[in-house]
């Protein structure tokens, strides 16, 4: 297996931390859909995730992740239909 530089692991860990926060905020917002500050935090982290992902992919290749889309107010991720229902 190819040894990756230290920066690879640092960037990957930062991405994982942001992903974790996005998942936790998603779960929170599913039960608190009118928490405006949490929605703002989610959107800020989603934007940060996109930037980190772009930088990582430019250096090391493609990734898959959460946080592709922003939310409106109130939290709208639980609105149907979901993509797999269309």
N, C-alpha and C. Protein backbone atom coordinates (compact mmCIF):
# COMPACT_ATOMS: atom_id res chain seq x y z
N UNK A 1 0.84 -1.18 0.00
CA UNK A 1 0.00 0.00 0.00
C UNK A 1 0.88 1.24 0.00
N UNK A 2 0.49 2.20 -0.81
CA UNK A 2 1.24 3.45 -0.93
C UNK A 2 1.14 4.26 0.36
N UNK A 3 2.27 4.76 0.83
CA UNK A 3 2.29 5.62 2.01
C UNK A 3 1.91 7.04 1.60
N UNK A 4 0.90 7.58 2.24
CA UNK A 4 0.43 8.93 1.93
C UNK A 4 1.14 9.93 2.85
N UNK A 5 1.29 11.17 2.37
CA UNK A 5 1.93 12.19 3.21
C UNK A 5 1.07 12.54 4.42
N UNK A 6 1.70 13.09 5.43
CA UNK A 6 1.01 13.47 6.67
C UNK A 6 -0.17 14.39 6.39
N UNK A 7 -0.01 15.31 5.46
CA UNK A 7 -1.08 16.25 5.12
C UNK A 7 -2.35 15.54 4.65
N UNK A 8 -2.19 14.44 3.95
CA UNK A 8 -3.34 13.65 3.50
C UNK A 8 -4.21 13.26 4.69
N UNK A 9 -3.60 12.72 5.71
CA UNK A 9 -4.33 12.26 6.89
C UNK A 9 -4.91 13.42 7.68
N UNK A 10 -4.20 14.54 7.73
CA UNK A 10 -4.72 15.72 8.42
C UNK A 10 -5.96 16.27 7.72
N UNK A 11 -5.88 16.36 6.40
CA UNK A 11 -7.04 16.85 5.64
C UNK A 11 -8.22 15.89 5.74
N UNK A 12 -7.93 14.60 5.67
CA UNK A 12 -8.98 13.60 5.77
C UNK A 12 -9.65 13.66 7.15
N UNK A 13 -8.87 13.83 8.19
CA UNK A 13 -9.43 13.94 9.54
C UNK A 13 -10.31 15.18 9.68
N UNK A 14 -9.88 16.29 9.08
CA UNK A 14 -10.70 17.50 9.12
C UNK A 14 -12.03 17.28 8.39
N UNK A 15 -11.98 16.63 7.25
CA UNK A 15 -13.21 16.30 6.52
C UNK A 15 -14.12 15.40 7.35
N UNK A 16 -13.55 14.41 8.01
CA UNK A 16 -14.34 13.50 8.82
C UNK A 16 -14.99 14.23 9.99
N UNK A 17 -14.29 15.19 10.59
CA UNK A 17 -14.85 15.95 11.70
C UNK A 17 -16.04 16.79 11.23
N UNK A 18 -15.91 17.41 10.06
CA UNK A 18 -17.02 18.20 9.53
C UNK A 18 -18.18 17.28 9.15
N UNK A 19 -17.90 16.14 8.56
CA UNK A 19 -18.96 15.17 8.24
C UNK A 19 -19.71 14.74 9.50
N UNK A 20 -18.98 14.46 10.56
CA UNK A 20 -19.61 14.06 11.82
C UNK A 20 -20.54 15.15 12.33
N UNK A 21 -20.07 16.39 12.30
CA UNK A 21 -20.90 17.51 12.76
C UNK A 21 -22.14 17.66 11.89
N UNK A 22 -22.00 17.47 10.58
CA UNK A 22 -23.16 17.56 9.69
C UNK A 22 -24.18 16.47 9.98
N UNK A 23 -23.72 15.26 10.24
CA UNK A 23 -24.64 14.17 10.58
C UNK A 23 -25.36 14.48 11.89
N UNK A 24 -24.62 14.93 12.89
CA UNK A 24 -25.22 15.26 14.18
C UNK A 24 -26.24 16.39 14.05
N UNK A 25 -25.91 17.41 13.29
CA UNK A 25 -26.85 18.51 13.07
C UNK A 25 -28.08 18.04 12.31
N UNK A 26 -27.90 17.14 11.37
CA UNK A 26 -29.04 16.58 10.65
C UNK A 26 -30.00 15.90 11.61
N UNK A 27 -29.45 15.07 12.49
CA UNK A 27 -30.29 14.37 13.46
C UNK A 27 -30.99 15.35 14.40
N UNK A 28 -30.26 16.35 14.84
CA UNK A 28 -30.84 17.36 15.72
C UNK A 28 -31.96 18.12 15.01
N UNK A 29 -31.70 18.55 13.78
CA UNK A 29 -32.68 19.34 13.05
C UNK A 29 -33.91 18.54 12.65
N UNK A 30 -33.78 17.23 12.56
CA UNK A 30 -34.96 16.40 12.30
C UNK A 30 -35.98 16.53 13.43
N UNK A 31 -35.52 16.83 14.63
CA UNK A 31 -36.43 16.99 15.77
C UNK A 31 -36.59 18.44 16.21
N UNK A 32 -35.79 19.34 15.66
CA UNK A 32 -35.86 20.77 15.99
C UNK A 32 -35.81 21.60 14.69
N UNK A 33 -36.81 21.44 13.82
CA UNK A 33 -36.74 22.04 12.48
C UNK A 33 -36.81 23.56 12.44
N UNK A 34 -37.12 24.21 13.54
CA UNK A 34 -37.21 25.67 13.54
C UNK A 34 -36.05 26.32 14.28
N UNK A 35 -35.01 25.57 14.57
CA UNK A 35 -33.83 26.12 15.24
C UNK A 35 -32.96 26.83 14.20
N UNK A 36 -33.20 28.12 14.10
CA UNK A 36 -32.55 28.92 13.06
C UNK A 36 -31.03 28.88 13.17
N UNK A 37 -30.50 28.97 14.39
CA UNK A 37 -29.04 28.96 14.57
C UNK A 37 -28.44 27.63 14.14
N UNK A 38 -29.12 26.54 14.42
CA UNK A 38 -28.63 25.23 14.00
C UNK A 38 -28.64 25.10 12.48
N UNK A 39 -29.66 25.66 11.84
CA UNK A 39 -29.71 25.64 10.38
C UNK A 39 -28.56 26.46 9.81
N UNK A 40 -28.31 27.62 10.40
CA UNK A 40 -27.19 28.44 9.94
C UNK A 40 -25.87 27.68 10.11
N UNK A 41 -25.71 27.02 11.25
CA UNK A 41 -24.48 26.26 11.49
C UNK A 41 -24.35 25.12 10.47
N UNK A 42 -25.46 24.43 10.21
CA UNK A 42 -25.44 23.37 9.21
C UNK A 42 -25.00 23.91 7.86
N UNK A 43 -25.59 25.02 7.44
CA UNK A 43 -25.26 25.59 6.14
C UNK A 43 -23.81 26.05 6.07
N UNK A 44 -23.30 26.63 7.15
CA UNK A 44 -21.90 27.04 7.18
C UNK A 44 -20.97 25.83 7.08
N UNK A 45 -21.31 24.77 7.81
CA UNK A 45 -20.48 23.56 7.74
C UNK A 45 -20.57 22.90 6.37
N UNK A 46 -21.75 22.94 5.77
CA UNK A 46 -21.91 22.36 4.43
C UNK A 46 -21.02 23.11 3.44
N UNK A 47 -20.98 24.44 3.57
CA UNK A 47 -20.12 25.24 2.70
C UNK A 47 -18.64 24.93 2.97
N UNK A 48 -18.28 24.84 4.23
CA UNK A 48 -16.89 24.50 4.58
C UNK A 48 -16.54 23.12 4.03
N UNK A 49 -17.48 22.19 4.11
CA UNK A 49 -17.26 20.82 3.62
C UNK A 49 -16.98 20.83 2.12
N UNK A 50 -17.73 21.63 1.39
CA UNK A 50 -17.51 21.73 -0.06
C UNK A 50 -16.11 22.24 -0.37
N UNK A 51 -15.69 23.26 0.37
CA UNK A 51 -14.36 23.82 0.14
C UNK A 51 -13.27 22.80 0.47
N UNK A 52 -13.41 22.14 1.62
CA UNK A 52 -12.43 21.13 2.01
C UNK A 52 -12.39 19.98 1.01
N UNK A 53 -13.59 19.56 0.58
CA UNK A 53 -13.68 18.46 -0.38
C UNK A 53 -12.99 18.83 -1.69
N UNK A 54 -13.24 20.04 -2.16
CA UNK A 54 -12.63 20.49 -3.41
C UNK A 54 -11.11 20.48 -3.30
N UNK A 55 -10.59 20.99 -2.19
CA UNK A 55 -9.15 21.02 -1.98
C UNK A 55 -8.58 19.60 -1.89
N UNK A 56 -9.26 18.75 -1.15
CA UNK A 56 -8.79 17.38 -0.99
C UNK A 56 -8.79 16.64 -2.32
N UNK A 57 -9.89 16.77 -3.06
CA UNK A 57 -10.00 16.07 -4.34
C UNK A 57 -8.97 16.57 -5.34
N UNK A 58 -8.66 17.84 -5.30
CA UNK A 58 -7.65 18.38 -6.21
C UNK A 58 -6.28 17.76 -5.93
N UNK A 59 -6.04 17.46 -4.66
CA UNK A 59 -4.74 16.91 -4.28
C UNK A 59 -4.69 15.38 -4.30
N UNK A 60 -5.82 14.73 -3.95
CA UNK A 60 -5.76 13.28 -3.70
C UNK A 60 -6.80 12.44 -4.42
N UNK A 61 -7.75 13.04 -5.10
CA UNK A 61 -8.76 12.25 -5.80
C UNK A 61 -10.14 12.39 -5.19
N UNK A 62 -11.14 11.74 -5.79
CA UNK A 62 -12.54 11.96 -5.42
C UNK A 62 -12.93 11.38 -4.06
N UNK A 63 -13.99 12.01 -3.50
CA UNK A 63 -14.60 11.59 -2.23
C UNK A 63 -16.11 11.57 -2.37
N UNK A 64 -16.77 10.88 -1.45
CA UNK A 64 -18.22 11.00 -1.32
C UNK A 64 -18.49 11.48 0.08
N UNK A 65 -19.56 12.25 0.26
CA UNK A 65 -19.79 12.88 1.55
C UNK A 65 -21.21 13.37 1.75
N UNK A 66 -21.52 13.78 2.99
CA UNK A 66 -22.78 14.44 3.33
C UNK A 66 -22.59 15.94 3.20
N UNK A 67 -23.67 16.68 3.18
CA UNK A 67 -23.57 18.13 3.18
C UNK A 67 -23.51 18.76 1.80
N UNK A 68 -24.04 18.07 0.78
CA UNK A 68 -24.03 18.64 -0.57
C UNK A 68 -24.96 19.83 -0.70
N UNK A 69 -26.03 19.86 0.06
CA UNK A 69 -27.06 20.87 -0.13
C UNK A 69 -27.29 21.68 1.14
N UNK A 70 -27.76 22.90 0.94
CA UNK A 70 -28.13 23.76 2.05
C UNK A 70 -29.58 23.52 2.42
N UNK A 71 -29.98 24.04 3.56
CA UNK A 71 -31.37 23.95 3.99
C UNK A 71 -31.99 25.33 4.00
N UNK A 72 -33.26 25.38 3.71
CA UNK A 72 -34.04 26.59 3.90
C UNK A 72 -34.55 26.61 5.33
N UNK A 73 -35.22 27.68 5.72
CA UNK A 73 -35.86 27.75 7.02
C UNK A 73 -37.36 27.63 6.83
N UNK A 74 -38.07 26.76 7.54
CA UNK A 74 -37.55 25.79 8.49
C UNK A 74 -36.85 24.62 7.80
N UNK A 75 -36.17 23.82 8.60
CA UNK A 75 -35.44 22.65 8.13
C UNK A 75 -36.28 21.89 7.12
N UNK A 76 -35.74 21.66 5.91
CA UNK A 76 -36.57 21.05 4.87
C UNK A 76 -36.04 19.72 4.36
N UNK A 77 -35.12 19.14 5.07
CA UNK A 77 -34.61 17.85 4.61
C UNK A 77 -35.60 16.72 4.83
N UNK A 78 -36.58 16.93 5.67
CA UNK A 78 -37.55 15.87 5.90
C UNK A 78 -38.79 16.01 5.01
N UNK A 79 -38.77 16.95 4.08
CA UNK A 79 -39.86 17.11 3.12
C UNK A 79 -39.81 15.97 2.10
N UNK A 80 -40.98 15.49 1.73
CA UNK A 80 -41.06 14.46 0.71
C UNK A 80 -41.57 15.09 -0.58
N UNK A 81 -41.40 14.47 -1.72
CA UNK A 81 -40.80 13.15 -1.91
C UNK A 81 -39.28 13.21 -1.88
N UNK A 82 -38.70 12.12 -1.44
CA UNK A 82 -37.25 11.98 -1.46
C UNK A 82 -36.83 11.46 -2.82
N UNK A 83 -35.57 11.63 -3.19
CA UNK A 83 -35.16 11.25 -4.55
C UNK A 83 -35.52 9.82 -4.93
N UNK A 84 -35.44 8.89 -4.01
CA UNK A 84 -35.72 7.50 -4.33
C UNK A 84 -37.23 7.22 -4.42
N UNK A 85 -38.07 8.22 -4.07
CA UNK A 85 -39.51 8.05 -4.16
C UNK A 85 -40.08 8.61 -5.47
N UNK A 86 -39.26 9.27 -6.25
CA UNK A 86 -39.75 9.90 -7.48
C UNK A 86 -39.72 8.91 -8.62
